[in-house]
Protein backbone atom coordinates (compact mmCIF):
# COMPACT_ATOMS: atom_id res chain seq x y z
CA MET A 1 12.91 -15.83 -22.59
CA ILE A 2 14.15 -16.03 -18.99
CA PHE A 3 14.70 -18.78 -16.46
CA LEU A 4 13.81 -18.39 -12.79
CA ILE A 5 15.92 -19.76 -9.97
CA PHE A 6 13.17 -20.99 -7.66
CA SER A 7 15.64 -21.83 -4.91
CA GLY A 8 16.05 -18.08 -4.66
CA ALA A 9 12.37 -17.46 -4.03
CA HIS A 10 11.42 -15.61 -0.86
CA PHE A 11 7.97 -15.34 0.67
CA ALA A 12 6.86 -12.43 2.83
CA TRP A 13 3.98 -11.39 5.05
CA GLY A 14 5.33 -8.30 6.72
CA TYR A 15 5.19 -4.55 7.14
CA LEU A 16 2.03 -4.18 5.12
CA GLY A 17 0.89 -7.70 5.83
CA SER A 18 -2.62 -7.93 7.26
CA PHE A 19 -2.51 -4.58 9.10
CA GLU A 20 -2.84 -6.28 12.48
CA GLU A 21 -1.30 -5.05 15.72
CA ASN A 22 1.43 -7.67 15.23
CA ASP A 23 2.12 -6.18 11.79
CA GLY A 24 2.59 -2.74 13.31
CA TYR A 25 -0.84 -1.12 12.94
CA ARG A 26 -2.56 0.29 16.02
CA VAL A 27 -6.24 0.71 16.81
CA PRO A 28 -7.24 2.32 20.13
CA SER A 29 -8.63 -0.93 21.55
CA SER A 30 -5.04 -2.20 21.59
CA GLY A 31 -3.93 0.79 23.66
CA ASN A 32 -3.37 4.50 23.32
CA ILE A 33 -0.14 5.89 21.86
CA LEU A 34 1.01 8.84 23.95
CA SER A 35 2.17 12.02 22.26
CA LEU A 36 5.86 12.83 22.60
CA ASN A 37 5.12 16.45 21.64
CA PHE A 38 7.51 16.69 18.71
CA ALA A 39 8.07 20.24 17.52
CA GLY A 40 6.05 20.97 14.41
CA ASP A 41 3.55 18.13 14.87
CA ALA A 42 -0.08 19.19 15.09
CA GLN A 43 -1.70 19.42 18.52
CA PHE A 44 -5.49 19.32 18.89
CA TYR A 45 -7.83 20.17 21.72
CA LEU A 46 -9.37 17.01 23.09
CA GLY A 47 -12.96 16.90 21.88
CA ASN A 48 -12.39 20.31 20.26
CA ASN A 49 -12.65 21.89 23.74
CA PRO A 50 -9.70 24.06 24.88
CA THR A 51 -10.41 23.30 28.55
CA ASN A 52 -9.62 19.64 27.92
CA GLY A 53 -6.00 20.21 26.97
CA LEU A 54 -4.12 19.07 23.89
CA THR A 55 -3.41 15.77 22.21
CA GLY A 56 -0.76 15.21 19.54
CA ILE A 57 -1.72 11.67 18.59
CA VAL A 58 -5.08 12.23 16.97
CA ALA A 59 -7.21 9.16 17.53
CA PRO A 60 -10.56 9.20 15.74
CA GLY A 61 -13.91 9.46 17.38
CA ALA A 62 -16.57 12.14 17.43
CA TYR A 63 -13.65 14.58 17.54
CA PRO A 64 -9.96 13.99 18.25
CA SER A 65 -9.84 12.44 21.69
CA THR A 66 -7.47 10.54 23.93
CA LEU A 67 -8.69 7.12 22.88
CA GLY A 68 -11.24 7.59 20.11
CA ASP A 69 -13.89 5.00 19.41
CA ALA A 70 -11.63 1.94 19.87
CA THR A 71 -11.92 0.74 16.25
CA HIS A 72 -10.45 3.56 14.12
CA GLY A 73 -6.67 3.71 14.24
CA LEU A 74 -4.32 6.66 14.11
CA ASP A 75 -3.13 8.11 10.83
CA VAL A 76 -0.24 5.94 9.67
CA SER A 77 2.08 8.92 9.17
CA ARG A 78 1.79 10.00 12.84
CA TYR A 79 3.36 6.93 14.47
CA ASN A 80 5.71 4.04 13.66
CA ALA A 81 3.13 2.18 11.57
CA GLY A 82 4.48 -1.04 10.11
CA GLN A 83 7.74 -0.76 12.05
CA TYR A 84 6.94 -2.79 15.15
CA GLY A 85 5.36 -6.15 15.94
CA GLY A 86 6.58 -9.67 15.27
CA GLY A 87 4.60 -10.44 12.11
CA GLY A 88 6.67 -11.28 9.05
CA GLY A 89 9.83 -11.59 11.12
CA GLY A 90 9.42 -8.13 12.58
CA PRO A 91 11.44 -6.63 15.43
CA GLY A 92 8.70 -6.75 18.06
CA GLY A 93 8.36 -3.67 20.20
CA ASN A 94 5.38 -1.39 20.49
CA GLY A 95 3.62 1.47 18.77
CA THR A 96 5.12 4.87 19.53
CA ASP A 97 4.82 8.48 18.49
CA ILE A 98 7.25 9.72 15.83
CA GLN A 99 7.75 13.09 14.23
CA ASP A 100 5.09 13.20 11.54
CA ASN A 101 6.16 11.87 8.11
CA THR A 102 9.44 10.34 9.32
CA GLY A 103 8.35 6.68 9.19
CA LEU A 104 7.57 4.28 6.35
CA TRP A 105 4.33 6.17 5.65
CA ARG A 106 4.28 9.81 4.51
CA ALA A 107 1.30 12.07 3.87
CA LEU A 108 2.05 13.94 0.62
CA SER A 109 -1.21 15.85 0.19
CA GLY A 110 -4.65 15.83 1.74
CA GLY A 111 -5.42 13.30 4.43
CA ARG A 112 -3.77 14.16 7.74
CA LEU A 113 -2.30 17.32 6.21
CA ASN A 114 -5.83 18.59 5.61
CA GLU A 115 -6.86 17.85 9.18
CA ASP A 116 -3.75 19.52 10.60
CA GLN A 117 -4.53 22.87 8.96
CA GLY A 118 -7.08 23.71 11.64
CA ALA A 119 -5.01 22.72 14.68
CA PRO A 120 -5.53 23.10 17.58
CA TYR A 121 -9.17 22.84 16.48
CA TYR A 122 -10.45 20.04 14.28
CA LEU A 123 -12.46 21.79 11.57
CA GLY A 124 -14.11 18.79 9.92
CA GLY A 125 -17.39 17.18 10.87
CA PRO A 126 -17.45 14.84 13.87
CA PHE A 127 -17.22 11.69 11.74
CA GLN A 128 -15.75 13.14 8.55
CA ARG A 129 -12.11 12.25 8.73
CA ASP A 130 -9.22 12.43 6.28
CA TYR A 131 -6.42 9.90 6.70
CA ILE A 132 -5.12 6.39 6.09
CA ALA A 133 -5.37 4.19 9.16
CA GLY A 134 -5.80 0.70 10.53
CA TYR A 135 -9.39 -0.22 11.35
CA ASN A 136 -10.87 -2.97 13.49
CA TYR A 137 -13.38 -4.63 11.17
CA GLY A 138 -15.50 -7.66 11.93
CA SER A 139 -15.42 -8.78 8.29
CA ALA A 140 -11.68 -8.46 7.74
CA ARG A 141 -10.50 -11.04 5.26
CA THR A 142 -8.16 -12.47 7.89
CA GLY A 143 -7.57 -11.40 11.47
CA SER A 144 -9.50 -8.45 12.84
CA GLN A 145 -7.98 -5.37 11.17
CA VAL A 146 -7.75 -3.80 7.71
CA LEU A 147 -6.25 -0.66 6.17
CA ASN A 148 -8.80 2.06 5.42
CA LEU A 149 -8.56 5.12 3.17
CA LEU A 150 -10.78 8.02 4.22
CA ALA A 151 -10.96 11.24 2.18
CA TYR A 152 -14.18 12.96 3.18
CA ASP A 153 -13.09 16.58 2.72
CA GLU A 154 -10.44 16.53 0.01
CA ASN A 155 -8.34 14.11 -2.05
CA LEU A 156 -5.36 12.42 -0.44
CA ARG A 157 -1.99 11.11 -1.60
CA TYR A 158 0.31 9.04 0.64
CA SER A 159 3.57 7.21 0.03
CA TYR A 160 4.65 3.92 1.61
CA SER A 161 8.32 2.90 1.51
CA LEU A 162 8.67 -0.84 1.01
CA ASP A 163 10.97 -2.47 3.54
CA SER A 164 13.01 -5.66 3.67
CA ARG A 165 10.36 -7.02 6.03
CA ASP A 166 7.84 -6.79 3.18
CA PHE A 167 10.28 -8.76 1.01
CA ASP A 168 11.27 -11.34 3.66
CA GLY A 169 14.72 -9.94 4.28
CA ILE A 170 15.50 -8.80 0.74
CA ASN A 171 16.45 -5.13 0.60
CA PRO A 172 14.14 -3.31 -1.85
CA ALA A 173 17.24 -1.45 -3.05
CA THR A 174 18.47 -4.73 -4.60
CA THR A 175 15.37 -5.62 -6.65
CA SER A 176 16.33 -4.19 -10.05
CA ASP A 177 16.63 -7.66 -11.62
CA MET A 178 13.90 -9.68 -9.95
CA ARG A 179 10.44 -11.04 -10.53
CA ILE A 180 8.16 -9.65 -7.81
CA GLU A 181 4.76 -11.26 -7.43
CA ALA A 182 2.37 -9.16 -5.35
CA SER A 183 -1.06 -10.17 -4.12
CA PHE A 184 -3.50 -8.12 -2.07
CA TRP A 185 -7.23 -7.94 -1.32
CA THR A 186 -9.60 -4.99 -1.46
CA CYS A 187 -13.19 -4.23 -0.46
CA PRO A 188 -14.43 -0.85 -1.79
CA THR A 189 -17.44 1.24 -0.84
CA ASP A 190 -20.71 1.36 -2.74
CA ALA A 191 -21.65 4.83 -1.45
CA ASP A 192 -20.28 6.57 -4.55
CA ASP A 193 -21.61 4.13 -7.16
CA ASP A 194 -24.06 6.65 -8.61
CA ILE A 195 -21.90 9.79 -8.55
CA ALA A 196 -18.49 8.59 -9.73
CA ILE A 197 -19.39 6.20 -12.55
CA GLY A 198 -16.28 5.38 -14.55
CA VAL A 199 -14.18 7.88 -12.58
CA ASN A 200 -11.13 6.73 -10.65
CA THR A 201 -11.52 7.04 -6.89
CA VAL A 202 -8.75 4.87 -5.38
CA GLY A 203 -5.35 3.97 -6.80
CA LEU A 204 -2.08 2.25 -5.89
CA SER A 205 1.02 3.29 -7.83
CA PHE A 206 3.98 0.88 -7.78
CA ARG A 207 7.17 2.89 -8.27
CA ASP A 208 10.90 2.30 -8.52
CA SER A 209 13.80 4.14 -6.88
CA MET A 210 13.92 6.59 -9.81
CA ASP A 211 10.24 7.42 -9.12
CA GLN A 212 9.23 5.80 -12.39
CA ILE A 213 5.69 4.40 -12.33
CA LEU A 214 5.63 0.74 -13.31
CA VAL A 215 1.88 0.31 -12.97
CA ASP A 216 -1.14 1.92 -11.31
CA ILE A 217 -3.93 -0.31 -10.00
CA GLY A 218 -7.25 1.18 -8.90
CA TYR A 219 -11.00 1.19 -9.25
CA THR A 220 -13.79 3.52 -10.29
CA GLY A 221 -16.50 5.00 -8.11
CA ASP A 222 -18.75 2.15 -9.24
CA ASN A 223 -15.95 -0.30 -8.40
CA PHE A 224 -14.65 -1.46 -11.77
CA LEU A 225 -11.00 -2.49 -11.72
CA GLN A 226 -8.69 -0.06 -13.53
CA TYR A 227 -5.03 0.08 -14.48
CA ARG A 228 -2.42 2.35 -16.06
CA ILE A 229 0.92 1.10 -17.38
CA GLY A 230 4.29 2.84 -17.31
CA GLY A 231 3.12 6.23 -16.12
CA SER A 232 0.26 6.64 -18.57
CA SER A 233 -2.19 9.39 -17.64
CA THR A 234 -5.22 7.45 -18.92
CA TRP A 235 -6.96 4.84 -16.80
CA GLN A 236 -8.01 1.65 -18.59
CA VAL A 237 -11.29 0.31 -17.19
CA THR A 238 -11.82 -3.47 -17.11
CA ALA A 239 -15.07 -5.43 -16.99
CA LEU A 240 -14.22 -6.75 -13.52
CA ASN A 241 -16.52 -5.28 -10.88
CA LEU A 242 -15.14 -5.49 -7.34
CA GLY A 243 -18.05 -6.15 -5.01
CA ALA A 244 -18.57 -3.96 -1.95
CA THR A 245 -19.81 -6.77 0.33
CA GLY A 246 -16.83 -9.12 -0.02
CA TRP A 247 -13.12 -9.27 -0.78
CA SER A 248 -11.58 -9.21 -4.27
CA GLN A 249 -8.01 -10.34 -4.95
CA ILE A 250 -5.50 -8.46 -7.12
CA ASN A 251 -2.47 -10.37 -8.46
CA LEU A 252 0.40 -8.38 -9.93
CA VAL A 253 3.79 -9.33 -11.38
CA LEU A 254 6.58 -6.75 -11.60
CA ASP A 255 9.49 -8.13 -13.63
CA THR A 256 12.34 -5.66 -13.29
CA GLN A 257 14.69 -7.81 -15.38
CA ALA A 258 12.35 -8.02 -18.38
CA ASN A 259 10.90 -4.53 -17.69
CA SER A 260 7.35 -5.84 -17.84
CA VAL A 261 4.20 -6.11 -15.73
CA SER A 262 1.30 -8.57 -15.57
CA LEU A 263 -2.10 -8.26 -13.92
CA ALA A 264 -4.84 -10.70 -12.95
CA ALA A 265 -7.75 -10.48 -10.51
CA ARG A 266 -10.53 -12.41 -8.81
CA ALA A 267 -13.61 -10.24 -8.36
CA TYR A 268 -16.18 -10.77 -5.62
CA SER A 269 -19.76 -10.60 -6.88
CA ASP A 270 -22.34 -8.80 -4.76
CA ILE A 271 -25.03 -10.52 -6.84
CA THR A 272 -23.97 -14.13 -6.29
CA GLY A 273 -22.06 -13.63 -3.06
CA THR A 274 -19.09 -15.58 -4.43
CA LEU A 275 -15.48 -14.93 -5.41
CA GLY A 276 -14.90 -15.23 -9.15
CA THR A 277 -12.19 -17.19 -10.92
CA ASP A 278 -8.75 -15.76 -11.58
CA THR A 279 -9.01 -13.55 -14.67
CA THR A 280 -5.96 -12.41 -16.63
CA VAL A 281 -6.10 -8.72 -17.53
CA PHE A 282 -2.73 -8.56 -19.33
CA THR A 283 0.51 -10.53 -19.33
CA ASP A 284 4.14 -9.42 -19.71
CA GLN A 285 3.24 -5.94 -20.88
CA LEU A 286 6.50 -4.17 -21.74
CA LEU A 287 7.03 -0.84 -20.01
CA GLY A 288 9.29 0.73 -22.61
CA PHE A 289 11.95 1.82 -20.13
CA ASN A 290 14.57 0.26 -17.89
CA THR A 291 13.17 -0.28 -14.41
CA ASP A 292 15.14 0.21 -11.24
CA ASN A 293 14.57 -1.15 -7.73
CA VAL A 294 10.94 -1.39 -6.62
CA THR A 295 10.88 0.73 -3.48
CA GLN A 296 7.52 2.40 -2.92
CA ILE A 297 3.75 2.33 -3.30
CA GLU A 298 1.83 5.57 -3.62
CA TRP A 299 -1.81 5.54 -2.47
CA THR A 300 -4.45 7.98 -3.70
CA ALA A 301 -8.11 8.59 -2.94
CA THR A 302 -9.95 10.98 -5.26
CA ASP A 303 -13.54 12.22 -5.00
CA VAL A 304 -14.23 9.52 -2.41
CA ASP A 305 -17.73 9.50 -0.96
CA GLY A 306 -18.25 6.81 1.61
CA PHE A 307 -16.80 5.38 4.75
CA LYS A 308 -14.73 2.44 3.56
CA ASN A 309 -12.02 1.65 1.08
CA PHE A 310 -10.48 -1.41 2.70
CA PHE A 311 -7.26 -3.33 1.95
CA ASP A 312 -5.97 -6.52 3.54
CA ASP A 313 -3.43 -9.34 3.25
CA PHE A 314 -0.53 -8.06 1.17
CA ASP A 315 1.77 -10.89 0.11
CA PHE A 316 5.02 -10.65 -1.87
CA THR A 317 7.03 -13.40 -3.56
CA LEU A 318 10.47 -12.51 -4.93
CA MET A 319 12.49 -14.62 -7.35
CA SER A 320 15.93 -13.98 -8.77
CA VAL A 321 16.02 -13.89 -12.56
CA VAL A 322 18.95 -15.09 -14.69
CA PRO A 323 19.41 -15.18 -18.47
CA GLU A 324 18.37 -18.32 -20.38
CA PRO A 325 21.13 -20.98 -20.75
CA GLY A 326 22.16 -19.82 -24.23
CA SER A 327 22.64 -16.26 -23.05
CA LEU A 328 24.45 -17.45 -19.94
CA THR A 329 26.83 -19.55 -22.05
CA PHE A 330 27.55 -16.53 -24.23
CA LEU A 331 28.38 -14.44 -21.17
CA VAL A 332 30.75 -17.10 -19.83
CA LEU A 333 32.51 -17.43 -23.19
CA ALA A 334 32.85 -13.67 -23.43
CA TRP A 335 34.38 -13.57 -19.97
CA LEU A 336 36.84 -16.37 -20.80
CA TYR A 337 37.83 -14.60 -24.02
CA SER A 338 38.49 -11.36 -22.16
CA MET A 339 40.63 -13.19 -19.60
CA ARG A 340 42.65 -14.83 -22.39
CA ARG A 341 43.26 -11.44 -24.03
CA LYS A 342 44.52 -10.09 -20.72
CA ARG A 343 46.98 -13.01 -20.31
CA GLU A 344 48.25 -12.65 -23.87
CA SER A 345 48.86 -8.95 -23.39
């Protein structure tokens, strides 16, 4: 049993946040980010036409263009995504080009890395893109933007490094003995309902600083919520179906003091058009190993067929955890005894 010091609770709405411009996520309608021509970064012909010159910041559209179609943002590993804007106590500033994969977001496989292979030509179809990006969406849960995972040509795997702005000033490197409550919302596609039944298509892996997997949260091609605990290779499929026409909420608890995880969800129903009640999937499931600081989320999209896999409104609550009074008393007595032994010697 543990006791929580609620005066130590911290509430955040930051670097992931709601994926708005003020949270550090750019869509072309908010302005174009100019390429700084970093060595090694991919350069593409505008509109796939060599006579148009090159662009390094690849905004979506029919083909990579200077501005794109105004709604589809740049790949999050190409610019300072999540590192500017005033949301969640952020530093302000503006979106800017960075050397690829040197920010909070890194493309590990697929996604932007697949697109870059053909540079300076874009080899994919005009609307078949591979990346993770902000997207201006009229049905965003809040605000006007969401995060979208697109993997038309091949699977993708990206890593996001949690920042103190996510945790309201608490350094993720100091979270090895905390209770972290995470909440986020998702709206999947229904385009792959018939071809990926029961097969995982999208997943979020919550990892510690030792790269240990605490829990994976995802959904199948037909949008049933899934999970894996403690690095298991087998997805567990729940009965919760996450509707494609509304937003479903995922609630997760990572207890790095007790080395346990808990999961609950509220699923939107496409049939009734309503958000379901909070349903507990599992509570205080022991991981079987000692967890370290929670520092990253790995995102995957596998066998995705369809335009949208949306996420919105990430919220983190952190609470310090201390032993129960009996255990605390024992620790104090042990300390006093050791001090007495030192004086006597």
